[in-house]
Amino acid sequence: MGLVPARGRLQQEVGLRYHNLKMAIYILTILTVQSAFCQTPQIDIASCDVTVTLNLPDSQLLVRAGLTLHQADTVNTIDLILSSNAEIKLVKSKIKGNWIDVSYKFTGKDTLSLTLPPALRLNRDLKIDFEYTFPSGGLKDSLMIFDRGNRWYPFIMEDIFKFKLKVEVPPGYIVFSAGDLIEKKTSPGHSQFTYESKIPVFKLPLVIAKTGVYYETFKKCGGKKVYLYSATIDKVEREKIISEACATLKFYNEYIGEYPHNRLTLVEIPEMEGTNIATGLLMIGSTFIEAFKQGYYDNLHLSIAAQWTAAGVFFKLFGKGFWFFQLSLPHYLRLIYLERTKGEDAFITGLKQGLDTYKEFAGTDKDMPIIKVDFLNTKEKGAVIYGKGPYILDKVRSEIGDENWNKLIRDIYKDFKGKILYYGDFIKYLSKYDRDGKSVSKFEKMLFEMDLNED
């Protein structure tokens, strides 16, 4: 599929070029907001079982977290990420029915180092329990948000994990998190919300708000549901947003593979820009809402596409091609949604937007191979990922054909849902549909070279 002069929506769409670029970078860099952290490679977190109680009088979260870890080799120490603001009460483990204290200390900002007692070092599977308090900061505008950047729960930077989260709040409060809401209990003294994901996720957000802040809207989308919790959006806009979200969810459900959760929840965070993406949860900010009001849903399409390719299939953190897979791929899937629902002109226009931004400096000293983009800390790096990346994927699709492209995406999702996809895995799967033995070579050449190969 070659690039031809765009028609139809070009003038309407071009004004969003820089807006979309800025928002795209924001929503997906939020997935990995921390800097790289050197972890003990022999340790993996398999699951996380967390119970939280909101203590309003003391402005604290009372947290009990149980981590199930697997050690591939014997280790003496385990380094976890946890906020230094956490006031730890105890860290312990159970072996042969007996509880054993685990010594711990903060060895750097937000780095908690555990020293395993000898009795635990030979165990391949460990269960370590934590009890601590975490400052809630009070209810600012009736809303509290805790995410990876807050380091409110113990984790390892590169790990994905299954979880179960129980949150107890006073009456009149609502709780949002990733995964599925599997239980809600209400009593005169408190409410309890239980979220769970039986397939791994990359982060565990926690949003607590007063129920009066939000208006709830939901829509059935086949066997799934989409919920929208809005604070400032009127009824007409709510219906437009939830209908578009439902249509997008249905499309990717059929195009890529079944969405593994029973619901997708959108929560408006008025003081935030862009979108914070978690598995099953989209926290949508003011610029996102303003785009809706102007009739633009690009960021909604992108955020939902990311449920399959950035919050469904995961990529090696800062590994080879990380940003290409993390950001360029969902962007290209967004364009495919436009193509199928609005026509080829809309697809071409969207592809051309990002490409034109990249072409402004392509081949100059500000350009770089897409494979060498490390952090999205300049507009040029963002344009390489946002503009050149989807163009490369379109070339791949043209090379192998639409049918094989769809099989490739479906195969990857089926085999790597809830898992980490490495660069070599993608090449291996692409090779299955390399009809003349040249598609993989062209793909890698475009990833490793500057400028464009528009042959």
Protein backbone atom coordinates (compact mmCIF):
# COMPACT_ATOMS: atom_id res chain seq x y z
CA MET A 1 0.00 0.00 0.00
CA GLY A 2 1.83 3.08 -1.20
CA LEU A 3 1.42 6.67 -0.10
CA VAL A 4 -0.70 8.82 -2.41
CA PRO A 5 -1.85 12.43 -1.99
CA ALA A 6 -4.33 12.46 0.87
CA ARG A 7 -7.90 13.51 0.21
CA GLY A 8 -11.08 13.89 2.22
CA ARG A 9 -10.10 14.54 5.84
CA LEU A 10 -6.60 15.94 5.32
CA GLN A 11 -7.36 19.55 6.25
CA GLN A 12 -9.51 18.46 9.16
CA GLU A 13 -6.92 16.06 10.50
CA VAL A 14 -3.67 17.96 9.98
CA GLY A 15 -4.36 20.35 12.86
CA LEU A 16 -4.06 17.42 15.27
CA ARG A 17 -0.60 16.40 14.09
CA TYR A 18 1.36 17.86 16.97
CA HIS A 19 -1.44 17.31 19.47
CA ASN A 20 -1.54 13.61 18.66
CA LEU A 21 2.25 13.35 18.77
CA LYS A 22 2.42 14.95 22.20
CA MET A 23 -0.42 12.86 23.60
CA ALA A 24 0.87 9.64 22.06
CA ILE A 25 4.23 10.10 23.71
CA TYR A 26 2.61 10.92 27.04
CA ILE A 27 0.21 8.01 27.19
CA LEU A 28 2.74 5.35 26.44
CA THR A 29 5.76 6.72 28.26
CA ILE A 30 3.56 6.68 31.34
CA LEU A 31 3.80 2.91 31.11
CA THR A 32 7.47 3.08 32.06
CA VAL A 33 7.76 6.36 33.87
CA GLN A 34 10.68 5.34 36.02
CA SER A 35 14.27 5.26 34.92
CA ALA A 36 15.98 1.97 34.19
CA PHE A 37 16.67 -0.04 37.32
CA CYS A 38 19.17 -2.86 37.68
CA GLN A 39 17.35 -5.88 39.03
CA THR A 40 18.46 -9.27 40.22
CA PRO A 41 17.86 -11.26 37.00
CA GLN A 42 17.30 -14.56 38.79
CA ILE A 43 14.10 -13.36 40.50
CA ASP A 44 10.65 -13.02 38.97
CA ILE A 45 7.40 -11.95 40.63
CA ALA A 46 4.70 -14.43 39.65
CA SER A 47 1.79 -12.87 41.52
CA CYS A 48 0.89 -10.11 43.91
CA ASP A 49 -1.91 -10.33 46.49
CA VAL A 50 -2.62 -6.92 48.02
CA THR A 51 -5.09 -5.74 50.65
CA VAL A 52 -5.51 -2.00 51.20
CA THR A 53 -7.49 -0.11 53.80
CA LEU A 54 -7.95 3.65 53.43
CA ASN A 55 -7.48 5.28 56.83
CA LEU A 56 -8.84 8.78 56.33
CA PRO A 57 -8.20 10.17 59.83
CA ASP A 58 -4.47 9.42 59.51
CA SER A 59 -4.31 10.09 55.73
CA GLN A 60 -2.75 6.68 55.19
CA LEU A 61 -3.15 3.51 53.25
CA LEU A 62 -2.71 0.40 55.36
CA VAL A 63 -1.17 -2.14 53.00
CA ARG A 64 -0.62 -5.87 53.23
CA ALA A 65 1.14 -7.25 50.18
CA GLY A 66 2.03 -10.86 49.53
CA LEU A 67 4.49 -11.51 46.71
CA THR A 68 4.95 -14.93 45.18
CA LEU A 69 8.43 -15.00 43.68
CA HIS A 70 10.32 -17.55 41.63
CA GLN A 71 14.10 -17.71 41.80
CA ALA A 72 15.82 -19.40 38.88
CA ASP A 73 19.01 -19.61 40.89
CA THR A 74 19.94 -19.30 44.54
CA VAL A 75 20.16 -15.68 45.66
CA ASN A 76 20.98 -14.07 48.97
CA THR A 77 19.34 -10.71 48.40
CA ILE A 78 16.36 -9.40 46.47
CA ASP A 79 16.03 -5.78 45.42
CA LEU A 80 12.51 -4.44 45.06
CA ILE A 81 11.12 -1.05 44.13
CA LEU A 82 9.03 0.45 46.93
CA SER A 83 8.66 4.05 47.97
CA SER A 84 10.97 5.17 50.74
CA ASN A 85 7.88 6.89 52.16
CA ALA A 86 6.43 3.51 53.07
CA GLU A 87 6.67 2.88 56.79
CA ILE A 88 7.35 -0.84 56.99
CA LYS A 89 5.95 -2.79 59.92
CA LEU A 90 7.22 -6.22 58.98
CA VAL A 91 8.55 -8.42 56.18
CA LYS A 92 8.21 -12.17 56.70
CA SER A 93 7.96 -15.51 54.96
CA LYS A 94 6.44 -18.86 55.84
CA ILE A 95 8.35 -22.13 55.57
CA LYS A 96 7.11 -25.49 56.83
CA GLY A 97 4.33 -23.78 58.74
CA ASN A 98 6.65 -21.38 60.56
CA TRP A 99 6.95 -17.64 60.00
CA ILE A 100 10.46 -16.31 59.49
CA ASP A 101 11.39 -12.64 59.63
CA VAL A 102 13.16 -11.28 56.56
CA SER A 103 15.62 -8.48 57.19
CA TYR A 104 15.31 -5.41 54.99
CA LYS A 105 16.65 -1.93 54.45
CA PHE A 106 16.32 0.88 51.94
CA THR A 107 19.62 0.95 50.04
CA GLY A 108 18.72 3.87 47.80
CA LYS A 109 15.75 6.04 47.03
CA ASP A 110 12.78 3.72 46.61
CA THR A 111 15.00 0.62 46.57
CA LEU A 112 14.17 -1.95 49.23
CA SER A 113 16.78 -4.67 49.68
CA LEU A 114 15.75 -7.95 51.32
CA THR A 115 18.29 -10.36 52.80
CA LEU A 116 17.00 -13.90 52.66
CA PRO A 117 17.66 -16.11 55.67
CA PRO A 118 19.46 -19.37 54.81
CA ALA A 119 16.26 -21.42 55.13
CA LEU A 120 14.71 -19.54 52.21
CA ARG A 121 17.64 -19.44 49.81
CA LEU A 122 17.16 -22.97 48.53
CA ASN A 123 13.46 -22.51 47.77
CA ARG A 124 12.67 -21.93 44.12
CA ASP A 125 9.27 -20.48 45.00
CA LEU A 126 8.99 -17.93 47.77
CA LYS A 127 6.06 -16.18 49.37
CA ILE A 128 7.03 -12.97 51.13
CA ASP A 129 4.52 -10.85 53.03
CA PHE A 130 4.82 -7.14 53.70
CA GLU A 131 2.90 -4.88 56.04
CA TYR A 132 3.37 -1.12 55.83
CA THR A 133 1.61 2.22 55.78
CA PHE A 134 1.74 4.55 52.83
CA PRO A 135 0.83 8.26 52.95
CA SER A 136 -2.34 9.00 51.01
CA GLY A 137 -1.74 12.72 50.88
CA GLY A 138 -5.39 13.34 51.67
CA LEU A 139 -8.20 13.58 49.15
CA LYS A 140 -7.23 16.31 46.72
CA ASP A 141 -10.41 17.37 44.94
CA SER A 142 -12.03 14.17 46.23
CA LEU A 143 -9.57 12.02 44.28
CA MET A 144 -6.42 9.98 44.99
CA ILE A 145 -4.29 8.27 42.35
CA PHE A 146 -1.46 5.83 43.03
CA ASP A 147 0.51 4.29 40.18
CA ARG A 148 3.91 2.79 39.38
CA GLY A 149 5.44 6.24 39.63
CA ASN A 150 4.28 6.43 43.25
CA ARG A 151 5.93 3.06 43.97
CA TRP A 152 3.11 2.28 46.37
CA TYR A 153 3.43 -1.51 46.03
CA PRO A 154 6.63 -3.63 45.87
CA PHE A 155 7.67 -4.64 42.35
CA ILE A 156 10.58 -5.43 40.06
CA MET A 157 10.99 -3.06 37.14
CA GLU A 158 10.84 -5.56 34.29
CA ASP A 159 8.33 -7.98 35.77
CA ILE A 160 4.77 -8.60 34.76
CA PHE A 161 2.58 -10.38 37.28
CA LYS A 162 -0.88 -11.68 38.12
CA PHE A 163 -2.65 -9.93 40.96
CA LYS A 164 -5.59 -9.74 43.31
CA LEU A 165 -6.33 -6.43 44.99
CA LYS A 166 -8.85 -5.87 47.79
CA VAL A 167 -9.48 -2.27 48.81
CA GLU A 168 -11.59 -1.23 51.78
CA VAL A 169 -12.84 2.36 51.79
CA PRO A 170 -15.31 4.36 53.88
CA PRO A 171 -18.92 4.57 52.62
CA GLY A 172 -19.35 6.98 49.73
CA TYR A 173 -16.09 6.09 47.96
CA ILE A 174 -15.41 4.16 44.77
CA VAL A 175 -12.25 2.31 43.72
CA PHE A 176 -10.78 1.71 40.25
CA SER A 177 -7.87 -0.51 39.26
CA ALA A 178 -6.58 -2.76 36.49
CA GLY A 179 -8.00 -6.14 35.53
CA ASP A 180 -11.57 -7.11 36.37
CA LEU A 181 -13.81 -5.98 39.19
CA ILE A 182 -14.81 -9.40 40.54
CA GLU A 183 -16.58 -8.37 43.73
CA LYS A 184 -18.09 -5.32 45.38
CA LYS A 185 -19.43 -5.42 48.94
CA THR A 186 -21.17 -2.57 50.71
CA SER A 187 -21.97 -2.37 54.40
CA PRO A 188 -22.94 0.51 56.70
CA GLY A 189 -19.33 0.87 57.85
CA HIS A 190 -17.33 0.44 54.65
CA SER A 191 -17.23 -0.70 51.03
CA GLN A 192 -14.86 -3.29 49.62
CA PHE A 193 -13.77 -3.58 45.98
CA THR A 194 -11.86 -6.60 44.68
CA TYR A 195 -9.97 -6.48 41.38
CA GLU A 196 -8.15 -9.38 39.81
CA SER A 197 -6.20 -10.34 36.71
CA LYS A 198 -5.44 -13.99 36.06
CA ILE A 199 -3.11 -13.04 33.25
CA PRO A 200 -0.04 -10.89 33.98
CA VAL A 201 -0.16 -7.10 33.92
CA PHE A 202 2.65 -4.56 33.90
CA LYS A 203 1.42 -2.32 36.69
CA LEU A 204 -1.15 -2.02 39.46
CA PRO A 205 -2.81 1.40 39.62
CA LEU A 206 -5.15 2.43 42.40
CA VAL A 207 -7.70 5.24 42.08
CA ILE A 208 -9.94 6.18 45.02
CA ALA A 209 -12.64 8.84 44.66
CA LYS A 210 -15.82 10.07 46.26
CA THR A 211 -18.81 8.60 44.45
CA GLY A 212 -20.31 12.06 43.96
CA VAL A 213 -17.42 13.03 41.69
CA TYR A 214 -18.45 10.74 38.84
CA TYR A 215 -21.42 9.95 36.65
CA GLU A 216 -21.39 6.29 35.57
CA THR A 217 -22.25 5.28 32.01
CA PHE A 218 -21.87 1.77 30.65
CA LYS A 219 -22.54 -0.06 27.43
CA LYS A 220 -22.59 -3.75 26.55
CA CYS A 221 -20.18 -4.61 23.73
CA GLY A 222 -20.90 -8.19 22.81
CA GLY A 223 -19.77 -10.23 25.79
CA LYS A 224 -17.82 -7.29 27.26
CA LYS A 225 -18.78 -4.00 28.90
CA VAL A 226 -17.33 -0.51 28.64
CA TYR A 227 -17.71 1.80 31.63
CA LEU A 228 -17.16 5.55 31.56
CA TYR A 229 -16.83 7.50 34.80
CA SER A 230 -17.07 11.17 33.88
CA ALA A 231 -16.68 14.27 35.99
CA THR A 232 -17.13 17.12 33.47
CA ILE A 233 -18.61 15.50 30.35
CA ASP A 234 -22.25 16.14 29.43
CA LYS A 235 -24.72 13.41 28.51
CA VAL A 236 -24.40 13.83 24.74
CA GLU A 237 -20.61 13.58 24.83
CA ARG A 238 -20.74 10.63 27.23
CA GLU A 239 -22.86 8.68 24.80
CA LYS A 240 -20.57 9.52 21.89
CA ILE A 241 -17.45 8.49 23.80
CA ILE A 242 -18.81 5.22 25.12
CA SER A 243 -20.28 4.29 21.73
CA GLU A 244 -16.96 4.94 20.02
CA ALA A 245 -15.09 3.02 22.71
CA CYS A 246 -17.47 0.09 22.31
CA ALA A 247 -17.10 0.06 18.52
CA THR A 248 -13.30 0.19 18.82
CA LEU A 249 -13.23 -2.60 21.39
CA LYS A 250 -15.39 -4.78 19.15
CA PHE A 251 -13.14 -4.11 16.16
CA TYR A 252 -9.88 -5.15 17.85
CA ASN A 253 -11.64 -8.06 19.52
CA GLU A 254 -12.40 -9.42 16.04
CA TYR A 255 -9.29 -8.19 14.25
CA ILE A 256 -6.63 -9.27 16.76
CA GLY A 257 -8.18 -11.66 19.28
CA GLU A 258 -10.55 -11.80 22.21
CA TYR A 259 -10.06 -9.21 24.92
CA PRO A 260 -9.31 -11.27 28.05
CA HIS A 261 -11.15 -9.08 30.55
CA ASN A 262 -14.87 -8.64 31.05
CA ARG A 263 -14.73 -4.86 31.10
CA LEU A 264 -12.78 -1.81 30.00
CA THR A 265 -13.08 1.19 32.32
CA LEU A 266 -12.48 4.82 31.37
CA VAL A 267 -12.07 7.24 34.28
CA GLU A 268 -11.83 10.98 33.73
CA ILE A 269 -8.99 12.68 35.66
CA PRO A 270 -9.65 16.39 34.97
CA GLU A 271 -6.30 17.71 36.28
CA MET A 272 -4.26 15.29 34.15
CA GLU A 273 -3.20 15.62 30.52
CA GLY A 274 -3.14 12.78 28.05
CA THR A 275 -4.02 9.24 29.07
CA ASN A 276 -2.55 6.84 31.59
CA ILE A 277 -2.95 3.30 30.24
CA ALA A 278 -3.25 0.21 32.39
CA THR A 279 -4.61 -3.21 31.53
CA GLY A 280 -8.40 -2.79 31.62
CA LEU A 281 -8.21 0.83 32.81
CA LEU A 282 -7.77 4.11 30.95
CA MET A 283 -7.34 7.27 33.00
CA ILE A 284 -8.26 10.04 30.58
CA GLY A 285 -7.19 13.65 31.04
CA SER A 286 -8.29 17.12 30.04
CA THR A 287 -6.63 17.27 26.61
CA PHE A 288 -8.15 13.89 25.81
CA ILE A 289 -11.62 15.23 26.70
CA GLU A 290 -11.11 18.43 24.71
CA ALA A 291 -10.25 16.39 21.64
CA PHE A 292 -13.47 14.42 22.12
CA LYS A 293 -15.48 17.63 22.24
CA GLN A 294 -13.96 18.66 18.91
CA GLY A 295 -14.93 15.33 17.38
CA TYR A 296 -11.47 13.73 17.41
CA TYR A 297 -11.16 10.20 18.78
CA ASP A 298 -7.63 9.32 17.68
CA ASN A 299 -6.31 9.00 21.23
CA LEU A 300 -9.24 6.83 22.23
CA HIS A 301 -8.53 4.47 19.32
CA LEU A 302 -4.84 4.41 20.20
CA SER A 303 -5.46 3.77 23.90
CA ILE A 304 -7.79 0.88 23.16
CA ALA A 305 -5.42 -0.61 20.55
CA ALA A 306 -2.77 -0.54 23.29
CA GLN A 307 -4.94 -2.88 25.36
CA TRP A 308 -3.82 -5.56 22.92
CA THR A 309 -0.23 -4.57 22.08
CA ALA A 310 1.17 -2.60 25.03
CA ALA A 311 -1.06 -3.65 27.91
CA GLY A 312 -1.82 -7.16 26.61
CA VAL A 313 1.37 -8.29 24.92
CA PHE A 314 4.37 -6.76 26.67
CA PHE A 315 7.79 -5.87 25.34
CA LYS A 316 11.24 -6.14 26.85
CA LEU A 317 11.67 -2.96 28.87
CA PHE A 318 14.22 -0.78 27.03
CA GLY A 319 15.21 -3.85 25.03
CA LYS A 320 15.89 -3.95 21.31
CA GLY A 321 13.05 -2.19 19.49
CA PHE A 322 11.15 -1.45 22.72
CA TRP A 323 9.69 1.90 21.68
CA PHE A 324 8.94 0.69 18.17
CA PHE A 325 6.78 -2.14 19.49
CA GLN A 326 5.42 -0.17 22.44
CA LEU A 327 4.31 2.89 20.50
CA SER A 328 4.61 2.51 16.71
CA LEU A 329 2.61 -0.73 16.63
CA PRO A 330 -0.50 0.52 18.47
CA HIS A 331 -0.34 3.69 16.38
CA TYR A 332 -0.40 1.60 13.23
CA LEU A 333 -3.29 -0.49 14.55
CA ARG A 334 -5.13 2.77 15.22
CA LEU A 335 -4.68 3.68 11.57
CA ILE A 336 -6.02 0.30 10.50
CA TYR A 337 -9.15 0.99 12.55
CA LEU A 338 -9.55 4.27 10.67
CA GLU A 339 -9.05 2.47 7.38
CA ARG A 340 -11.75 -0.09 8.16
CA THR A 341 -14.26 2.42 9.52
CA LYS A 342 -13.55 5.68 7.66
CA GLY A 343 -11.91 4.46 4.48
CA GLU A 344 -8.49 4.50 2.84
CA ASP A 345 -8.31 8.30 2.67
CA ALA A 346 -8.48 8.52 6.46
CA PHE A 347 -5.74 5.89 6.76
CA ILE A 348 -3.48 7.69 4.29
CA THR A 349 -4.06 11.02 6.00
CA GLY A 350 -3.16 9.59 9.40
CA LEU A 351 -0.04 7.88 8.09
CA LYS A 352 1.04 11.03 6.27
CA GLN A 353 0.66 13.23 9.36
CA GLY A 354 3.35 11.50 11.34
CA LEU A 355 5.52 10.90 8.32
CA ASP A 356 5.55 14.58 7.36
CA THR A 357 6.70 15.48 10.86
CA TYR A 358 9.53 12.99 10.59
CA LYS A 359 10.52 14.14 7.09
CA GLU A 360 11.23 17.63 8.43
CA PHE A 361 14.55 16.36 9.82
CA ALA A 362 15.00 12.95 8.16
CA GLY A 363 18.61 12.34 7.17
CA THR A 364 19.94 15.23 9.27
CA ASP A 365 22.08 15.08 12.41
CA LYS A 366 18.83 15.01 14.43
CA ASP A 367 17.72 11.78 12.78
CA MET A 368 18.51 8.33 14.14
CA PRO A 369 17.71 4.70 13.38
CA ILE A 370 14.44 3.76 15.01
CA ILE A 371 16.11 0.84 16.77
CA LYS A 372 18.40 3.27 18.64
CA VAL A 373 15.66 5.37 20.23
CA ASP A 374 16.23 5.04 23.96
CA PHE A 375 14.00 7.58 25.71
CA LEU A 376 11.34 9.78 24.12
CA ASN A 377 12.93 12.93 25.49
CA THR A 378 13.05 14.97 22.26
CA LYS A 379 10.41 15.76 19.65
CA GLU A 380 12.68 14.21 17.00
CA LYS A 381 12.82 10.85 18.79
CA GLY A 382 9.06 11.00 19.19
CA ALA A 383 8.60 11.68 15.49
CA VAL A 384 10.87 8.74 14.58
CA ILE A 385 8.64 6.45 16.62
CA TYR A 386 5.32 8.10 15.82
CA GLY A 387 5.93 8.92 12.15
CA LYS A 388 8.53 6.57 10.75
CA GLY A 389 7.47 3.55 12.82
CA PRO A 390 3.94 3.19 11.38
CA TYR A 391 5.38 3.79 7.90
CA ILE A 392 7.75 0.82 8.39
CA LEU A 393 4.89 -1.36 9.57
CA ASP A 394 2.87 -0.34 6.53
CA LYS A 395 5.77 -1.47 4.34
CA VAL A 396 5.79 -4.82 6.14
CA ARG A 397 2.07 -5.19 5.59
CA SER A 398 2.49 -4.37 1.89
CA GLU A 399 5.28 -6.93 1.60
CA ILE A 400 3.45 -9.86 3.17
CA GLY A 401 -0.11 -8.90 2.22
CA ASP A 402 -3.17 -8.02 4.29
CA GLU A 403 -4.18 -11.60 5.03
CA ASN A 404 -0.74 -12.61 6.27
CA TRP A 405 -0.38 -9.37 8.23
CA ASN A 406 -3.59 -10.10 10.09
CA LYS A 407 -2.46 -13.68 10.75
CA LEU A 408 0.86 -12.36 12.06
CA ILE A 409 -0.80 -9.99 14.53
CA ARG A 410 -3.31 -12.60 15.65
CA ASP A 411 -0.59 -15.25 16.10
CA ILE A 412 1.55 -12.92 18.20
CA TYR A 413 -1.38 -11.92 20.38
CA LYS A 414 -2.55 -15.51 20.86
CA ASP A 415 0.91 -16.78 21.80
CA PHE A 416 2.21 -13.79 23.80
CA LYS A 417 -0.87 -12.42 25.58
CA GLY A 418 0.25 -11.81 29.14
CA LYS A 419 3.87 -12.51 28.17
CA ILE A 420 6.94 -10.55 27.09
CA LEU A 421 7.65 -10.39 23.37
CA TYR A 422 11.30 -9.99 22.42
CA TYR A 423 12.64 -8.58 19.18
CA GLY A 424 13.79 -12.03 18.07
CA ASP A 425 10.30 -13.41 18.65
CA PHE A 426 8.78 -10.84 16.30
CA ILE A 427 11.38 -11.64 13.62
CA LYS A 428 10.67 -15.36 14.02
CA TYR A 429 6.93 -14.88 13.56
CA LEU A 430 7.38 -12.48 10.66
CA SER A 431 9.61 -15.06 8.95
CA LYS A 432 6.64 -17.44 8.75
CA TYR A 433 5.01 -15.06 6.29
CA ASP A 434 8.15 -13.99 4.43
CA ARG A 435 7.11 -15.24 0.99
CA ASP A 436 10.27 -14.49 -0.96
CA GLY A 437 12.83 -14.38 1.86
CA LYS A 438 13.22 -10.61 1.55
CA SER A 439 10.58 -9.18 3.88
CA VAL A 440 12.54 -9.68 7.09
CA SER A 441 15.71 -8.23 5.54
CA LYS A 442 13.84 -5.13 4.35
CA PHE A 443 12.18 -4.74 7.73
CA GLU A 444 15.43 -4.89 9.66
CA LYS A 445 17.14 -2.60 7.17
CA MET A 446 14.49 0.07 7.73
CA LEU A 447 14.79 -0.29 11.51
CA PHE A 448 18.56 0.11 11.49
CA GLU A 449 18.94 2.85 8.89
CA MET A 450 18.29 6.58 9.00
CA ASP A 451 15.97 8.41 6.61
CA LEU A 452 13.43 6.46 4.52
CA ASN A 453 13.56 3.73 1.98
CA GLU A 454 10.56 4.63 -0.17
CA ASP A 455 11.20 2.13 -2.94
